[in-house]
């Protein structure tokens, strides 16, 4: 059960970080004025990805904290109640 839970959280975290990375790259390119790459509709791209990226980043942060607390709990349980 523990392995499945850790694998699930790791998968969610990797997907989240990948989406945040893509959004970060697009927004950074937009900020530096590089808008000619593949003639992307930048207003649509940034409007569509900006708030989900913020939400996804917040969820990723919560998952990281939750996973850290769970690992801390599991380590303490293994050390003190073995």
PDB file of N, CA and C in Angstrom:
ATOM      1  N   UNK A   1       0.825  -1.196   0.000  1.00  0.00           N
ATOM      2  CA  UNK A   1       0.000   0.000   0.000  1.00  0.00           C
ATOM      3  C   UNK A   1       0.867   1.257   0.000  1.00  0.00           C
ATOM      4  N   UNK A   2       1.930   1.222   0.781  1.00  0.00           N
ATOM      5  CA  UNK A   2       2.820   2.385   0.861  1.00  0.00           C
ATOM      6  C   UNK A   2       3.468   2.680  -0.487  1.00  0.00           C
ATOM      7  N   UNK A   3       3.907   1.625  -1.178  1.00  0.00           N
ATOM      8  CA  UNK A   3       4.557   1.831  -2.475  1.00  0.00           C
ATOM      9  C   UNK A   3       3.585   2.427  -3.483  1.00  0.00           C
ATOM     10  N   UNK A   4       2.342   1.970  -3.461  1.00  0.00           N
ATOM     11  CA  UNK A   4       1.355   2.498  -4.402  1.00  0.00           C
ATOM     12  C   UNK A   4       1.045   3.962  -4.108  1.00  0.00           C
ATOM     13  N   UNK A   5       0.973   4.303  -2.836  1.00  0.00           N
ATOM     14  CA  UNK A   5       0.690   5.684  -2.451  1.00  0.00           C
ATOM     15  C   UNK A   5       1.832   6.610  -2.863  1.00  0.00           C
ATOM     16  N   UNK A   6       3.057   6.182  -2.606  1.00  0.00           N
ATOM     17  CA  UNK A   6       4.215   6.993  -2.981  1.00  0.00           C
ATOM     18  C   UNK A   6       4.312   7.104  -4.500  1.00  0.00           C
ATOM     19  N   UNK A   7       4.042   6.015  -5.213  1.00  0.00           N
ATOM     20  CA  UNK A   7       4.083   6.051  -6.674  1.00  0.00           C
ATOM     21  C   UNK A   7       3.000   6.992  -7.223  1.00  0.00           C
ATOM     22  N   UNK A   8       1.816   6.977  -6.614  1.00  0.00           N
ATOM     23  CA  UNK A   8       0.735   7.870  -7.033  1.00  0.00           C
ATOM     24  C   UNK A   8       1.123   9.325  -6.836  1.00  0.00           C
ATOM     25  N   UNK A   9       1.625   9.665  -5.642  1.00  0.00           N
ATOM     26  CA  UNK A   9       2.019  11.048  -5.374  1.00  0.00           C
ATOM     27  C   UNK A   9       3.178  11.476  -6.271  1.00  0.00           C
ATOM     28  N   UNK A  10       4.109  10.578  -6.529  1.00  0.00           N
ATOM     29  CA  UNK A  10       5.232  10.912  -7.399  1.00  0.00           C
ATOM     30  C   UNK A  10       4.752  11.183  -8.824  1.00  0.00           C
ATOM     31  N   UNK A  11       3.829  10.371  -9.309  1.00  0.00           N
ATOM     32  CA  UNK A  11       3.288  10.575 -10.653  1.00  0.00           C
ATOM     33  C   UNK A  11       2.569  11.911 -10.756  1.00  0.00           C
ATOM     34  N   UNK A  12       1.738  12.225  -9.774  1.00  0.00           N
ATOM     35  CA  UNK A  12       1.024  13.506  -9.772  1.00  0.00           C
ATOM     36  C   UNK A  12       2.019  14.659  -9.727  1.00  0.00           C
ATOM     37  N   UNK A  13       3.065  14.509  -8.916  1.00  0.00           N
ATOM     38  CA  UNK A  13       4.063  15.560  -8.790  1.00  0.00           C
ATOM     39  C   UNK A  13       4.809  15.778 -10.100  1.00  0.00           C
ATOM     40  N   UNK A  14       5.185  14.709 -10.773  1.00  0.00           N
ATOM     41  CA  UNK A  14       5.911  14.831 -12.043  1.00  0.00           C
ATOM     42  C   UNK A  14       5.032  15.496 -13.105  1.00  0.00           C
ATOM     43  N   UNK A  15       3.777  15.094 -13.190  1.00  0.00           N
ATOM     44  CA  UNK A  15       2.866  15.708 -14.153  1.00  0.00           C
ATOM     45  C   UNK A  15       2.683  17.192 -13.849  1.00  0.00           C
ATOM     46  N   UNK A  16       2.525  17.506 -12.568  1.00  0.00           N
ATOM     47  CA  UNK A  16       2.344  18.890 -12.139  1.00  0.00           C
ATOM     48  C   UNK A  16       3.554  19.739 -12.493  1.00  0.00           C
ATOM     49  N   UNK A  17       4.735  19.232 -12.186  1.00  0.00           N
ATOM     50  CA  UNK A  17       5.947  19.986 -12.479  1.00  0.00           C
ATOM     51  C   UNK A  17       6.147  20.158 -13.978  1.00  0.00           C
ATOM     52  N   UNK A  18       5.775  19.151 -14.768  1.00  0.00           N
ATOM     53  CA  UNK A  18       5.892  19.254 -16.214  1.00  0.00           C
ATOM     54  C   UNK A  18       4.973  20.350 -16.760  1.00  0.00           C
ATOM     55  N   UNK A  19       3.725  20.393 -16.280  1.00  0.00           N
ATOM     56  CA  UNK A  19       2.797  21.435 -16.720  1.00  0.00           C
ATOM     57  C   UNK A  19       3.280  22.820 -16.290  1.00  0.00           C
ATOM     58  N   UNK A  20       3.789  22.907 -15.066  1.00  0.00           N
ATOM     59  CA  UNK A  20       4.304  24.193 -14.597  1.00  0.00           C
ATOM     60  C   UNK A  20       5.527  24.619 -15.412  1.00  0.00           C
ATOM     61  N   UNK A  21       6.371  23.662 -15.796  1.00  0.00           N
ATOM     62  CA  UNK A  21       7.550  23.964 -16.604  1.00  0.00           C
ATOM     63  C   UNK A  21       7.150  24.499 -17.977  1.00  0.00           C
ATOM     64  N   UNK A  22       6.184  23.846 -18.607  1.00  0.00           N
ATOM     65  CA  UNK A  22       5.724  24.307 -19.918  1.00  0.00           C
ATOM     66  C   UNK A  22       5.160  25.727 -19.816  1.00  0.00           C
ATOM     67  N   UNK A  23       4.336  25.956 -18.804  1.00  0.00           N
ATOM     68  CA  UNK A  23       3.755  27.280 -18.633  1.00  0.00           C
ATOM     69  C   UNK A  23       4.827  28.314 -18.338  1.00  0.00           C
ATOM     70  N   UNK A  24       5.784  27.960 -17.496  1.00  0.00           N
ATOM     71  CA  UNK A  24       6.869  28.878 -17.179  1.00  0.00           C
ATOM     72  C   UNK A  24       7.674  29.255 -18.403  1.00  0.00           C
ATOM     73  N   UNK A  25       7.947  28.279 -19.254  1.00  0.00           N
ATOM     74  CA  UNK A  25       8.695  28.552 -20.484  1.00  0.00           C
ATOM     75  C   UNK A  25       7.901  29.484 -21.395  1.00  0.00           C
ATOM     76  N   UNK A  26       6.617  29.209 -21.563  1.00  0.00           N
ATOM     77  CA  UNK A  26       5.797  30.055 -22.435  1.00  0.00           C
ATOM     78  C   UNK A  26       5.697  31.482 -21.915  1.00  0.00           C
ATOM     79  N   UNK A  27       5.486  31.612 -20.600  1.00  0.00           N
ATOM     80  CA  UNK A  27       5.364  32.955 -20.023  1.00  0.00           C
ATOM     81  C   UNK A  27       6.698  33.694 -20.083  1.00  0.00           C
ATOM     82  N   UNK A  28       7.803  32.982 -19.836  1.00  0.00           N
ATOM     83  CA  UNK A  28       9.124  33.607 -19.912  1.00  0.00           C
ATOM     84  C   UNK A  28       9.419  34.086 -21.322  1.00  0.00           C
ATOM     85  N   UNK A  29       9.131  33.265 -22.321  1.00  0.00           N
ATOM     86  CA  UNK A  29       9.332  33.686 -23.705  1.00  0.00           C
ATOM     87  C   UNK A  29       8.478  34.909 -24.026  1.00  0.00           C
ATOM     88  N   UNK A  30       7.273  34.934 -23.519  1.00  0.00           N
ATOM     89  CA  UNK A  30       6.403  36.088 -23.742  1.00  0.00           C
ATOM     90  C   UNK A  30       6.975  37.338 -23.083  1.00  0.00           C
ATOM     91  N   UNK A  31       7.515  37.194 -21.865  1.00  0.00           N
ATOM     92  CA  UNK A  31       8.057  38.347 -21.161  1.00  0.00           C
ATOM     93  C   UNK A  31       9.272  38.934 -21.873  1.00  0.00           C
ATOM     94  N   UNK A  32      10.070  38.071 -22.503  1.00  0.00           N
ATOM     95  CA  UNK A  32      11.245  38.558 -23.224  1.00  0.00           C
ATOM     96  C   UNK A  32      10.917  38.978 -24.651  1.00  0.00           C
ATOM     97  N   UNK A  33       9.650  38.945 -25.005  1.00  0.00           N
ATOM     98  CA  UNK A  33       9.238  39.435 -26.316  1.00  0.00           C
ATOM     99  C   UNK A  33       9.446  38.465 -27.452  1.00  0.00           C
ATOM    100  N   UNK A  34       9.728  37.212 -27.145  1.00  0.00           N
ATOM    101  CA  UNK A  34       9.913  36.218 -28.205  1.00  0.00           C
ATOM    102  C   UNK A  34       8.542  35.617 -28.500  1.00  0.00           C
ATOM    103  N   UNK A  35       7.834  36.229 -29.423  1.00  0.00           N
ATOM    104  CA  UNK A  35       6.472  35.775 -29.709  1.00  0.00           C
ATOM    105  C   UNK A  35       6.350  35.161 -31.093  1.00  0.00           C
ATOM    106  N   UNK A  36       7.424  35.060 -31.829  1.00  0.00           N
ATOM    107  CA  UNK A  36       7.338  34.561 -33.197  1.00  0.00           C
ATOM    108  C   UNK A  36       7.499  33.046 -33.281  1.00  0.00           C
ATOM    109  N   UNK A  37       7.684  32.377 -32.142  1.00  0.00           N
ATOM    110  CA  UNK A  37       7.882  30.930 -32.172  1.00  0.00           C
ATOM    111  C   UNK A  37       6.561  30.256 -32.535  1.00  0.00           C
ATOM    112  N   UNK A  38       6.516  29.670 -33.690  1.00  0.00           N
ATOM    113  CA  UNK A  38       5.367  28.933 -34.211  1.00  0.00           C
ATOM    114  C   UNK A  38       4.097  29.772 -34.262  1.00  0.00           C
ATOM    115  N   UNK A  39       4.251  31.093 -34.207  1.00  0.00           N
ATOM    116  CA  UNK A  39       3.108  31.999 -34.298  1.00  0.00           C
ATOM    117  C   UNK A  39       1.976  31.600 -33.352  1.00  0.00           C
ATOM    118  N   UNK A  40       2.343  31.327 -32.130  1.00  0.00           N
ATOM    119  CA  UNK A  40       1.341  30.940 -31.141  1.00  0.00           C
ATOM    120  C   UNK A  40       0.472  32.135 -30.765  1.00  0.00           C
ATOM    121  N   UNK A  41      -0.802  31.913 -30.541  1.00  0.00           N
ATOM    122  CA  UNK A  41      -1.666  32.999 -30.066  1.00  0.00           C
ATOM    123  C   UNK A  41      -1.389  33.238 -28.577  1.00  0.00           C
ATOM    124  N   UNK A  42      -0.450  34.126 -28.278  1.00  0.00           N
ATOM    125  CA  UNK A  42       0.076  34.257 -26.918  1.00  0.00           C
ATOM    126  C   UNK A  42      -0.966  34.677 -25.906  1.00  0.00           C
ATOM    127  N   UNK A  43      -1.884  35.526 -26.298  1.00  0.00           N
ATOM    128  CA  UNK A  43      -2.914  35.950 -25.345  1.00  0.00           C
ATOM    129  C   UNK A  43      -3.745  34.746 -24.904  1.00  0.00           C
ATOM    130  N   UNK A  44      -4.082  33.900 -25.855  1.00  0.00           N
ATOM    131  CA  UNK A  44      -4.871  32.714 -25.534  1.00  0.00           C
ATOM    132  C   UNK A  44      -4.050  31.721 -24.720  1.00  0.00           C
ATOM    133  N   UNK A  45      -2.800  31.509 -25.112  1.00  0.00           N
ATOM    134  CA  UNK A  45      -1.952  30.534 -24.425  1.00  0.00           C
ATOM    135  C   UNK A  45      -1.712  30.950 -22.980  1.00  0.00           C
ATOM    136  N   UNK A  46      -1.323  32.194 -22.769  1.00  0.00           N
ATOM    137  CA  UNK A  46      -1.024  32.628 -21.406  1.00  0.00           C
ATOM    138  C   UNK A  46      -2.285  32.737 -20.564  1.00  0.00           C
ATOM    139  N   UNK A  47      -3.384  33.155 -21.171  1.00  0.00           N
ATOM    140  CA  UNK A  47      -4.632  33.240 -20.407  1.00  0.00           C
ATOM    141  C   UNK A  47      -5.122  31.848 -20.037  1.00  0.00           C
ATOM    142  N   UNK A  48      -4.928  30.895 -20.935  1.00  0.00           N
ATOM    143  CA  UNK A  48      -5.405  29.539 -20.678  1.00  0.00           C
ATOM    144  C   UNK A  48      -4.520  28.802 -19.679  1.00  0.00           C
ATOM    145  N   UNK A  49      -3.239  29.124 -19.647  1.00  0.00           N
ATOM    146  CA  UNK A  49      -2.314  28.347 -18.806  1.00  0.00           C
ATOM    147  C   UNK A  49      -1.874  29.049 -17.537  1.00  0.00           C
ATOM    148  N   UNK A  50      -2.071  30.354 -17.421  1.00  0.00           N
ATOM    149  CA  UNK A  50      -1.527  31.078 -16.278  1.00  0.00           C
ATOM    150  C   UNK A  50      -2.162  30.634 -14.971  1.00  0.00           C
ATOM    151  N   UNK A  51      -3.492  30.727 -14.855  1.00  0.00           N
ATOM    152  CA  UNK A  51      -4.155  30.389 -13.593  1.00  0.00           C
ATOM    153  C   UNK A  51      -4.111  28.901 -13.296  1.00  0.00           C
ATOM    154  N   UNK A  52      -4.274  28.019 -14.295  1.00  0.00           N
ATOM    155  CA  UNK A  52      -4.084  26.598 -13.975  1.00  0.00           C
ATOM    156  C   UNK A  52      -2.675  26.302 -13.475  1.00  0.00           C
ATOM    157  N   UNK A  53      -1.677  27.008 -14.003  1.00  0.00           N
ATOM    158  CA  UNK A  53      -0.305  26.775 -13.540  1.00  0.00           C
ATOM    159  C   UNK A  53      -0.151  27.203 -12.089  1.00  0.00           C
ATOM    160  N   UNK A  54      -0.788  28.311 -11.726  1.00  0.00           N
ATOM    161  CA  UNK A  54      -0.735  28.755 -10.332  1.00  0.00           C
ATOM    162  C   UNK A  54      -1.435  27.737  -9.442  1.00  0.00           C
ATOM    163  N   UNK A  55      -2.601  27.264  -9.875  1.00  0.00           N
ATOM    164  CA  UNK A  55      -3.325  26.252  -9.105  1.00  0.00           C
ATOM    165  C   UNK A  55      -2.567  24.948  -9.008  1.00  0.00           C
ATOM    166  N   UNK A  56      -1.975  24.538 -10.132  1.00  0.00           N
ATOM    167  CA  UNK A  56      -1.204  23.303 -10.155  1.00  0.00           C
ATOM    168  C   UNK A  56       0.032  23.444  -9.263  1.00  0.00           C
ATOM    169  N   UNK A  57       0.647  24.625  -9.280  1.00  0.00           N
ATOM    170  CA  UNK A  57       1.797  24.849  -8.400  1.00  0.00           C
ATOM    171  C   UNK A  57       1.412  24.773  -6.939  1.00  0.00           C
ATOM    172  N   UNK A  58       0.246  25.317  -6.596  1.00  0.00           N
ATOM    173  CA  UNK A  58      -0.223  25.243  -5.207  1.00  0.00           C
ATOM    174  C   UNK A  58      -0.524  23.804  -4.814  1.00  0.00           C
ATOM    175  N   UNK A  59      -1.138  23.045  -5.719  1.00  0.00           N
ATOM    176  CA  UNK A  59      -1.422  21.638  -5.434  1.00  0.00           C
ATOM    177  C   UNK A  59      -0.123  20.863  -5.292  1.00  0.00           C
ATOM    178  N   UNK A  60       0.856  21.156  -6.148  1.00  0.00           N
ATOM    179  CA  UNK A  60       2.152  20.475  -6.047  1.00  0.00           C
ATOM    180  C   UNK A  60       2.814  20.768  -4.713  1.00  0.00           C
ATOM    181  N   UNK A  61       2.733  22.014  -4.275  1.00  0.00           N
ATOM    182  CA  UNK A  61       3.314  22.372  -2.989  1.00  0.00           C
ATOM    183  C   UNK A  61       2.629  21.610  -1.856  1.00  0.00           C
ATOM    184  N   UNK A  62       1.314  21.525  -1.903  1.00  0.00           N
ATOM    185  CA  UNK A  62       0.586  20.763  -0.888  1.00  0.00           C
ATOM    186  C   UNK A  62       0.955  19.282  -0.924  1.00  0.00           C
ATOM    187  N   UNK A  63       1.116  18.731  -2.137  1.00  0.00           N
ATOM    188  CA  UNK A  63       1.516  17.325  -2.250  1.00  0.00           C
ATOM    189  C   UNK A  63       2.912  17.097  -1.695  1.00  0.00           C
ATOM    190  N   UNK A  64       3.820  18.013  -1.960  1.00  0.00           N
ATOM    191  CA  UNK A  64       5.183  17.880  -1.444  1.00  0.00           C
ATOM    192  C   UNK A  64       5.175  17.926   0.075  1.00  0.00           C
ATOM    193  N   UNK A  65       4.455  18.869   0.645  1.00  0.00           N
ATOM    194  CA  UNK A  65       4.383  18.975   2.107  1.00  0.00           C
ATOM    195  C   UNK A  65       3.713  17.738   2.689  1.00  0.00           C
ATOM    196  N   UNK A  66       2.622  17.292   2.072  1.00  0.00           N
ATOM    197  CA  UNK A  66       1.929  16.096   2.551  1.00  0.00           C
ATOM    198  C   UNK A  66       2.805  14.857   2.474  1.00  0.00           C
ATOM    199  N   UNK A  67       3.524  14.705   1.375  1.00  0.00           N
ATOM    200  CA  UNK A  67       4.410  13.555   1.234  1.00  0.00           C
ATOM    201  C   UNK A  67       5.545  13.609   2.248  1.00  0.00           C
ATOM    202  N   UNK A  68       6.088  14.797   2.480  1.00  0.00           N
ATOM    203  CA  UNK A  68       7.143  14.958   3.485  1.00  0.00           C
ATOM    204  C   UNK A  68       6.627  14.582   4.876  1.00  0.00           C
ATOM    205  N   UNK A  69       5.444  15.070   5.226  1.00  0.00           N
ATOM    206  CA  UNK A  69       4.881  14.755   6.536  1.00  0.00           C
ATOM    207  C   UNK A  69       4.585  13.265   6.663  1.00  0.00           C
ATOM    208  N   UNK A  70       4.096  12.657   5.583  1.00  0.00           N
ATOM    209  CA  UNK A  70       3.829  11.221   5.614  1.00  0.00           C
ATOM    210  C   UNK A  70       5.120  10.429   5.788  1.00  0.00           C
ATOM    211  N   UNK A  71       6.161  10.809   5.051  1.00  0.00           N
ATOM    212  CA  UNK A  71       7.441  10.107   5.188  1.00  0.00           C
ATOM    213  C   UNK A  71       8.035  10.304   6.582  1.00  0.00           C
ATOM    214  N   UNK A  72       7.857  11.496   7.139  1.00  0.00           N
ATOM    215  CA  UNK A  72       8.304  11.761   8.504  1.00  0.00           C
ATOM    216  C   UNK A  72       7.552  10.868   9.491  1.00  0.00           C
ATOM    217  N   UNK A  73       6.246  10.753   9.302  1.00  0.00           N
ATOM    218  CA  UNK A  73       5.430   9.897  10.153  1.00  0.00           C
ATOM    219  C   UNK A  73       5.849   8.432  10.019  1.00  0.00           C
ATOM    220  N   UNK A  74       6.031   7.959   8.781  1.00  0.00           N
ATOM    221  CA  UNK A  74       6.407   6.560   8.557  1.00  0.00           C
ATOM    222  C   UNK A  74       7.784   6.263   9.144  1.00  0.00           C
ATOM    223  N   UNK A  75       8.715   7.211   9.019  1.00  0.00           N
ATOM    224  CA  UNK A  75      10.050   7.021   9.587  1.00  0.00           C
ATOM    225  C   UNK A  75       9.985   6.976  11.109  1.00  0.00           C
ATOM    226  N   UNK A  76       9.240   7.892  11.703  1.00  0.00           N
ATOM    227  CA  UNK A  76       9.099   7.893  13.163  1.00  0.00           C
ATOM    228  C   UNK A  76       8.433   6.633  13.659  1.00  0.00           C
ATOM    229  N   UNK A  77       7.433   6.168  12.952  1.00  0.00           N
ATOM    230  CA  UNK A  77       6.741   4.933  13.331  1.00  0.00           C
ATOM    231  C   UNK A  77       7.700   3.746  13.249  1.00  0.00           C
ATOM    232  N   UNK A  78       8.507   3.704  12.197  1.00  0.00           N
ATOM    233  CA  UNK A  78       9.452   2.600  12.036  1.00  0.00           C
ATOM    234  C   UNK A  78      10.548   2.644  13.107  1.00  0.00           C
ATOM    235  N   UNK A  79      10.982   3.844  13.469  1.00  0.00           N
ATOM    236  CA  UNK A  79      12.066   3.963  14.447  1.00  0.00           C
ATOM    237  C   UNK A  79      11.604   3.672  15.870  1.00  0.00           C
ATOM    238  N   UNK A  80      10.452   4.195  16.240  1.00  0.00           N
ATOM    239  CA  UNK A  80      10.051   4.134  17.640  1.00  0.00           C
ATOM    240  C   UNK A  80       9.110   2.986  17.972  1.00  0.00           C
ATOM    241  N   UNK A  81       8.464   2.397  16.980  1.00  0.00           N
ATOM    242  CA  UNK A  81       7.500   1.339  17.266  1.00  0.00           C
ATOM    243  C   UNK A  81       7.861   0.031  16.582  1.00  0.00           C
ATOM    244  N   UNK A  82       9.146  -0.175  16.338  1.00  0.00           N
ATOM    245  CA  UNK A  82       9.556  -1.420  15.683  1.00  0.00           C
ATOM    246  C   UNK A  82       9.867  -2.501  16.691  1.00  0.00           C
TER     247      UNK A  82
END
